[in-house]
C-alpha atoms as a PDB file:
ATOM      1  CA  MET A   1      -3.936 -12.819  37.809  1.00  0.00           C
ATOM      2  CA  THR A   2      -2.129 -15.881  36.632  1.00  0.00           C
ATOM      3  CA  TYR A   3      -0.541 -16.757  33.270  1.00  0.00           C
ATOM      4  CA  ALA A   4       0.241 -19.059  30.555  1.00  0.00           C
ATOM      5  CA  GLY A   5       3.130 -19.226  28.203  1.00  0.00           C
ATOM      6  CA  LEU A   6       5.966 -17.902  30.666  1.00  0.00           C
ATOM      7  CA  THR A   7       8.690 -19.629  29.653  1.00  0.00           C
ATOM      8  CA  PRO A   8      11.942 -18.589  28.841  1.00  0.00           C
ATOM      9  CA  ILE A   9      11.655 -21.073  25.988  1.00  0.00           C
ATOM     10  CA  ASN A  10       8.307 -20.411  24.663  1.00  0.00           C
ATOM     11  CA  LEU A  11       8.451 -16.988  23.320  1.00  0.00           C
ATOM     12  CA  ALA A  12       6.031 -15.997  20.433  1.00  0.00           C
ATOM     13  CA  ILE A  13       2.684 -15.921  22.789  1.00  0.00           C
ATOM     14  CA  VAL A  14       2.366 -14.794  26.567  1.00  0.00           C
ATOM     15  CA  GLN A  15      -0.876 -15.352  27.739  1.00  0.00           C
ATOM     16  CA  GLY A  16      -3.117 -14.223  30.640  1.00  0.00           C
ATOM     17  CA  ASN A  17      -6.440 -15.694  31.976  1.00  0.00           C
ATOM     18  CA  PHE A  18      -8.433 -12.471  30.837  1.00  0.00           C
ATOM     19  CA  VAL A  19     -10.599 -11.597  28.102  1.00  0.00           C
ATOM     20  CA  ASP A  20      -8.529 -10.023  25.196  1.00  0.00           C
ATOM     21  CA  HIS A  21     -10.703  -6.377  25.032  1.00  0.00           C
ATOM     22  CA  TYR A  22      -9.787  -2.766  25.285  1.00  0.00           C
ATOM     23  CA  PHE A  23     -10.773  -2.074  28.847  1.00  0.00           C
ATOM     24  CA  ASN A  24      -8.679  -4.900  29.961  1.00  0.00           C
ATOM     25  CA  LEU A  25      -5.363  -3.286  28.503  1.00  0.00           C
ATOM     26  CA  THR A  26      -4.338  -2.803  31.629  1.00  0.00           C
ATOM     27  CA  TYR A  27      -3.907  -6.268  32.640  1.00  0.00           C
ATOM     28  CA  LYS A  28      -2.060  -6.878  29.375  1.00  0.00           C
ATOM     29  CA  THR A  29       0.559  -3.783  30.406  1.00  0.00           C
ATOM     30  CA  ILE A  30       1.177  -5.057  33.709  1.00  0.00           C
ATOM     31  CA  MET A  31       1.840  -8.769  32.605  1.00  0.00           C
ATOM     32  CA  GLY A  32       4.356  -8.074  30.016  1.00  0.00           C
ATOM     33  CA  TYR A  33       6.347  -6.007  32.783  1.00  0.00           C
ATOM     34  CA  ARG A  34       6.023  -8.999  34.739  1.00  0.00           C
ATOM     35  CA  TRP A  35       6.874 -11.534  31.922  1.00  0.00           C
ATOM     36  CA  THR A  36       9.952  -9.155  31.507  1.00  0.00           C
ATOM     37  CA  GLN A  37      10.911  -8.894  34.818  1.00  0.00           C
ATOM     38  CA  LEU A  38      11.084 -12.909  34.812  1.00  0.00           C
ATOM     39  CA  TYR A  39      13.119 -13.262  31.549  1.00  0.00           C
ATOM     40  CA  CYS A  40      14.562 -10.381  30.840  1.00  0.00           C
ATOM     41  CA  ASP A  41      16.430  -9.037  33.977  1.00  0.00           C
ATOM     42  CA  ASP A  42      19.792  -8.313  32.342  1.00  0.00           C
ATOM     43  CA  VAL A  43      18.272  -5.777  30.034  1.00  0.00           C
ATOM     44  CA  LYS A  44      18.712  -1.981  30.797  1.00  0.00           C
ATOM     45  CA  LEU A  45      15.707  -0.487  28.980  1.00  0.00           C
ATOM     46  CA  VAL A  46      12.465  -2.023  27.966  1.00  0.00           C
ATOM     47  CA  LEU A  47      10.717  -0.613  25.016  1.00  0.00           C
ATOM     48  CA  LYS A  48       6.573  -1.129  24.954  1.00  0.00           C
ATOM     49  CA  ILE A  49       4.815  -0.105  21.891  1.00  0.00           C
ATOM     50  CA  ASP A  50       1.817  -0.392  20.698  1.00  0.00           C
ATOM     51  CA  ASP A  51       1.050  -2.739  17.028  1.00  0.00           C
ATOM     52  CA  ASP A  52       0.249   0.330  15.065  1.00  0.00           C
ATOM     53  CA  VAL A  53       3.449   2.087  15.980  1.00  0.00           C
ATOM     54  CA  PHE A  54       6.535   2.397  13.536  1.00  0.00           C
ATOM     55  CA  VAL A  55       9.715   2.758  15.104  1.00  0.00           C
ATOM     56  CA  ASP A  56      13.145   3.417  13.406  1.00  0.00           C
ATOM     57  CA  ILE A  57      15.813   1.246  15.667  1.00  0.00           C
ATOM     58  CA  PHE A  58      18.654   2.767  14.228  1.00  0.00           C
ATOM     59  CA  ARG A  59      17.604   6.135  15.403  1.00  0.00           C
ATOM     60  CA  PHE A  60      16.041   4.725  19.103  1.00  0.00           C
ATOM     61  CA  PHE A  61      19.215   3.504  19.587  1.00  0.00           C
ATOM     62  CA  ASP A  62      20.776   6.409  18.791  1.00  0.00           C
ATOM     63  CA  TYR A  63      19.063   8.527  21.139  1.00  0.00           C
ATOM     64  CA  PHE A  64      19.184   6.299  23.777  1.00  0.00           C
ATOM     65  CA  LEU A  65      22.270   4.523  24.248  1.00  0.00           C
ATOM     66  CA  PRO A  66      24.139   7.607  25.371  1.00  0.00           C
ATOM     67  CA  VAL A  67      21.940   7.611  28.441  1.00  0.00           C
ATOM     68  CA  ILE A  68      21.314   3.757  29.058  1.00  0.00           C
ATOM     69  CA  ASN A  69      24.078   3.539  31.747  1.00  0.00           C
ATOM     70  CA  VAL A  70      23.536   6.661  33.533  1.00  0.00           C
ATOM     71  CA  ARG A  71      19.628   7.075  33.783  1.00  0.00           C
ATOM     72  CA  GLN A  72      18.330   5.291  36.292  1.00  0.00           C
ATOM     73  CA  ARG A  73      14.241   4.925  37.945  1.00  0.00           C
ATOM     74  CA  THR A  74      13.033   6.761  34.823  1.00  0.00           C
ATOM     75  CA  ILE A  75      10.154   6.448  32.034  1.00  0.00           C
ATOM     76  CA  TYR A  76      10.337   8.081  29.043  1.00  0.00           C
ATOM     77  CA  GLY A  77       7.257   8.523  26.984  1.00  0.00           C
ATOM     78  CA  ARG A  78       4.678  11.513  25.448  1.00  0.00           C
ATOM     79  CA  VAL A  79       4.039  12.940  28.509  1.00  0.00           C
ATOM     80  CA  HIS A  80      -0.028  14.159  29.154  1.00  0.00           C
ATOM     81  CA  PHE A  81       0.777  17.060  31.885  1.00  0.00           C
ATOM     82  CA  ILE A  82      -2.544  17.680  34.186  1.00  0.00           C
ATOM     83  CA  PRO A  83      -4.418  15.784  31.441  1.00  0.00           C
ATOM     84  CA  ARG A  84      -8.362  16.650  31.456  1.00  0.00           C
ATOM     85  CA  VAL A  85     -10.845  13.711  32.156  1.00  0.00           C
ATOM     86  CA  HIS A  86     -12.899  12.722  29.803  1.00  0.00           C
ATOM     87  CA  ARG A  87     -16.711  12.268  30.729  1.00  0.00           C
ATOM     88  CA  LYS A  88     -17.478  11.181  27.103  1.00  0.00           C
ATOM     89  CA  GLY A  89     -15.833   9.385  23.815  1.00  0.00           C
ATOM     90  CA  LYS A  90     -13.231   6.439  23.546  1.00  0.00           C
ATOM     91  CA  PHE A  91     -11.658   7.500  27.304  1.00  0.00           C
ATOM     92  CA  TRP A  92     -14.869   8.299  28.837  1.00  0.00           C
ATOM     93  CA  ILE A  93     -14.043   7.281  32.638  1.00  0.00           C
ATOM     94  CA  GLY A  94     -17.475   7.790  35.154  1.00  0.00           C
ATOM     95  CA  GLU A  95     -17.107  10.001  38.178  1.00  0.00           C
ATOM     96  CA  HIS A  96     -17.577   6.612  40.143  1.00  0.00           C
ATOM     97  CA  GLU A  97     -14.243   5.495  38.697  1.00  0.00           C
ATOM     98  CA  TYR A  98     -12.332   8.591  39.094  1.00  0.00           C
ATOM     99  CA  SER A  99     -13.943  11.736  40.342  1.00  0.00           C
ATOM    100  CA  GLY A 100     -11.264  13.959  39.777  1.00  0.00           C
ATOM    101  CA  LYS A 101     -11.345  16.521  36.776  1.00  0.00           C
ATOM    102  CA  ASN A 102      -7.732  16.099  36.071  1.00  0.00           C
ATOM    103  CA  TYR A 103      -5.303  12.851  35.880  1.00  0.00           C
ATOM    104  CA  PRO A 104      -1.696  13.286  37.702  1.00  0.00           C
ATOM    105  CA  HIS A 105       0.891  13.851  34.543  1.00  0.00           C
ATOM    106  CA  PHE A 106       1.273  10.009  32.398  1.00  0.00           C
ATOM    107  CA  CYS A 107       2.593   9.555  29.145  1.00  0.00           C
ATOM    108  CA  SER A 108       0.817   7.931  26.368  1.00  0.00           C
ATOM    109  CA  GLY A 109       0.897   4.056  26.559  1.00  0.00           C
ATOM    110  CA  PHE A 110       1.525   3.715  22.256  1.00  0.00           C
ATOM    111  CA  PHE A 111       5.256   4.072  23.021  1.00  0.00           C
ATOM    112  CA  VAL A 112       6.900   4.248  26.401  1.00  0.00           C
ATOM    113  CA  VAL A 113      10.435   3.110  27.443  1.00  0.00           C
ATOM    114  CA  VAL A 114      11.150   2.103  31.245  1.00  0.00           C
ATOM    115  CA  THR A 115      14.310   1.407  32.787  1.00  0.00           C
ATOM    116  CA  GLN A 116      14.636  -2.194  34.017  1.00  0.00           C
ATOM    117  CA  ASP A 117      15.585  -0.722  37.902  1.00  0.00           C
ATOM    118  CA  VAL A 118      11.764  -0.112  38.012  1.00  0.00           C
ATOM    119  CA  ILE A 119      10.129  -3.012  36.179  1.00  0.00           C
ATOM    120  CA  GLN A 120      10.049  -5.160  39.404  1.00  0.00           C
ATOM    121  CA  GLU A 121       8.339  -2.519  41.228  1.00  0.00           C
ATOM    122  CA  ILE A 122       6.209  -1.815  38.670  1.00  0.00           C
ATOM    123  CA  TYR A 123       4.389  -5.101  39.129  1.00  0.00           C
ATOM    124  CA  GLU A 124       4.310  -5.536  42.891  1.00  0.00           C
ATOM    125  CA  VAL A 125       2.975  -2.003  43.442  1.00  0.00           C
ATOM    126  CA  ALA A 126       0.742  -2.389  40.350  1.00  0.00           C
ATOM    127  CA  LYS A 127      -1.109  -5.277  42.428  1.00  0.00           C
ATOM    128  CA  LEU A 128      -1.765  -2.944  45.677  1.00  0.00           C
ATOM    129  CA  VAL A 129      -3.210  -0.120  43.518  1.00  0.00           C
ATOM    130  CA  ARG A 130      -7.094  -0.134  42.997  1.00  0.00           C
ATOM    131  CA  TYR A 131      -7.495  -1.367  39.061  1.00  0.00           C
ATOM    132  CA  PHE A 132      -7.981   1.313  36.329  1.00  0.00           C
ATOM    133  CA  ARG A 133      -9.185   0.135  32.936  1.00  0.00           C
ATOM    134  CA  LEU A 134      -7.404   3.296  30.533  1.00  0.00           C
ATOM    135  CA  GLU A 135      -3.499   1.654  31.163  1.00  0.00           C
ATOM    136  CA  ASP A 136      -1.343   4.448  30.238  1.00  0.00           C
ATOM    137  CA  VAL A 137      -2.990   6.315  33.475  1.00  0.00           C
ATOM    138  CA  PHE A 138      -3.002   3.304  35.658  1.00  0.00           C
ATOM    139  CA  THR A 139       0.308   2.468  34.890  1.00  0.00           C
ATOM    140  CA  TYR A 140       2.324   5.469  34.469  1.00  0.00           C
ATOM    141  CA  ALA A 141      -0.161   7.684  36.686  1.00  0.00           C
ATOM    142  CA  MET A 142      -1.677   6.055  39.230  1.00  0.00           C
ATOM    143  CA  VAL A 143       1.020   3.517  39.959  1.00  0.00           C
ATOM    144  CA  ARG A 144       4.102   5.628  39.539  1.00  0.00           C
ATOM    145  CA  LYS A 145       2.752   8.248  41.932  1.00  0.00           C
ATOM    146  CA  ALA A 146       2.615   5.355  44.334  1.00  0.00           C
ATOM    147  CA  MET A 147       6.388   4.413  44.171  1.00  0.00           C
ATOM    148  CA  VAL A 148       9.115   6.491  44.914  1.00  0.00           C
ATOM    149  CA  ASP A 149      11.540   8.693  43.441  1.00  0.00           C
ATOM    150  CA  VAL A 150      10.598   7.820  39.208  1.00  0.00           C
ATOM    151  CA  GLN A 151      11.103  10.312  36.781  1.00  0.00           C
ATOM    152  CA  LEU A 152       8.607  10.653  34.128  1.00  0.00           C
ATOM    153  CA  THR A 153      10.823  12.223  31.093  1.00  0.00           C
ATOM    154  CA  HIS A 154       8.906  13.761  27.976  1.00  0.00           C
ATOM    155  CA  LEU A 155       9.561  12.652  24.834  1.00  0.00           C
ATOM    156  CA  ASP A 156       9.141  15.109  21.782  1.00  0.00           C
ATOM    157  CA  VAL A 157      10.651  12.529  19.539  1.00  0.00           C
ATOM    158  CA  VAL A 158       7.708  10.330  19.137  1.00  0.00           C
ATOM    159  CA  THR A 159       4.107  11.422  17.927  1.00  0.00           C
ATOM    160  CA  HIS A 160       0.578   9.777  17.666  1.00  0.00           C
ATOM    161  CA  GLU A 161      -0.154  12.618  15.290  1.00  0.00           C
ATOM    162  CA  TRP A 162      -0.066  10.409  11.535  1.00  0.00           C
ATOM    163  CA  ARG A 163      -0.751  13.302   9.865  1.00  0.00           C
ATOM    164  CA  LYS A 164       2.096  14.886  11.730  1.00  0.00           C
ATOM    165  CA  TYR A 165       4.769  12.323  11.077  1.00  0.00           C
ATOM    166  CA  GLN A 166       3.697  12.084   7.411  1.00  0.00           C
ATOM    167  CA  ILE A 167       4.535  15.813   6.842  1.00  0.00           C
ATOM    168  CA  CYS A 168       7.678  15.783   8.882  1.00  0.00           C
ATOM    169  CA  VAL A 169       9.015  12.876   7.029  1.00  0.00           C
ATOM    170  CA  LYS A 170       7.845  14.753   3.413  1.00  0.00           C
ATOM    171  CA  ASP A 171       9.410  18.480   4.287  1.00  0.00           C
ATOM    172  CA  TYR A 172      12.510  17.083   5.886  1.00  0.00           C
ATOM    173  CA  LYS A 173      13.226  13.549   5.147  1.00  0.00           C
ATOM    174  CA  TYR A 174      15.734  11.584   7.359  1.00  0.00           C
ATOM    175  CA  ARG A 175      15.639  14.779   9.519  1.00  0.00           C
ATOM    176  CA  CYS A 176      12.442  14.424  10.792  1.00  0.00           C
ATOM    177  CA  LYS A 177      12.745  14.887  14.197  1.00  0.00           C
ATOM    178  CA  TYR A 178      10.623  11.740  14.803  1.00  0.00           C
ATOM    179  CA  PHE A 179      11.451   8.327  15.571  1.00  0.00           C
ATOM    180  CA  ALA A 180       8.776   6.942  16.417  1.00  0.00           C
ATOM    181  CA  ALA A 181       4.678   7.806  15.594  1.00  0.00           C
ATOM    182  CA  GLN A 182       1.390   6.060  15.357  1.00  0.00           C
ATOM    183  CA  LEU A 183       0.380   4.743  11.747  1.00  0.00           C
ATOM    184  CA  SER A 184      -2.406   2.849   9.910  1.00  0.00           C
ATOM    185  CA  PRO A 185      -1.403  -0.601   9.727  1.00  0.00           C
ATOM    186  CA  SER A 186      -1.415  -0.219   5.937  1.00  0.00           C
ATOM    187  CA  ASP A 187       1.204   2.696   6.297  1.00  0.00           C
ATOM    188  CA  LEU A 188       3.842   0.665   8.567  1.00  0.00           C
ATOM    189  CA  LEU A 189       5.635  -1.343   5.935  1.00  0.00           C
ATOM    190  CA  GLU A 190       5.980   1.993   3.554  1.00  0.00           C
ATOM    191  CA  TYR A 191       7.124   3.992   6.071  1.00  0.00           C
ATOM    192  CA  HIS A 192       9.751   1.319   7.237  1.00  0.00           C
ATOM    193  CA  LYS A 193      10.826   1.520   3.608  1.00  0.00           C
ATOM    194  CA  ILE A 194      11.005   5.193   3.169  1.00  0.00           C
ATOM    195  CA  ALA A 195      13.103   5.293   6.507  1.00  0.00           C
ATOM    196  CA  MET A 196      15.804   2.922   5.064  1.00  0.00           C
ATOM    197  CA  GLU A 197      15.756   4.456   1.639  1.00  0.00           C
ATOM    198  CA  ASN A 198      16.691   7.937   3.249  1.00  0.00           C
ATOM    199  CA  ARG A 199      19.432   5.989   5.804  1.00  0.00           C
ATOM    200  CA  ARG A 200      20.765   4.518   1.894  1.00  0.00           C
ATOM    201  CA  LYS A 201      20.514   7.984   0.373  1.00  0.00           C
ATOM    202  CA  LEU A 202      23.039   9.499   3.571  1.00  0.00           C
ATOM    203  CA  GLY A 203      25.611   6.383   3.216  1.00  0.00           C
ATOM    204  CA  LEU A 204      23.907   5.371   6.808  1.00  0.00           C
ATOM    205  CA  LEU A 205      23.820   1.175   7.724  1.00  0.00           C
ATOM    206  CA  GLY A 206      20.576  -0.008   7.607  1.00  0.00           C
ATOM    207  CA  GLY A 207      19.475   1.290   4.332  1.00  0.00           C
ATOM    208  CA  PRO A 208      18.900  -1.277   1.643  1.00  0.00           C
ATOM    209  CA  ASN A 209      21.903  -2.620   0.388  1.00  0.00           C
ATOM    210  CA  SER A 210      24.169  -1.579   2.572  1.00  0.00           C
END
């Protein structure tokens, strides 16, 4: 895999020499970690999210700042424990691609936080593992399993179930436990505004007019 746009000055677009297709998300994910390893090696954590995910960045840092200097070789996300292999539907996989009935534990790719000390290893090991088109299974199950002493940590404060998040915010306002959720594109700005307004009501930094 080769890249275009991998310079520390041109930060707007990073391009790879592959077709931008759902089945090529694995390439895109590994390419992102490669770029991070080349140009962001002084950061402590790397957050990868899909473009339909809302993150309350204030609560994100509230959650991770206490552990940022003490946790190493860790991948955080919404972990699937002993997940079933689907033979039909959006995530179908043929037996010729994966013959087992279950994948190793992995976290959903919509929201993943990785400590910097495993970024380069993810990229290097990914080149040795047989390609698999489900990027979260490939990266956070297959590649992770091929690495040494990497901890997978479940986050129950993020959700891919948009309705669950909406009900939680409606019922508990800013006390809702989720600080990140997968939403429809039309809802992203609305829930950002709701979060900021709830912060203002509580007198917290970051709310409107704060």
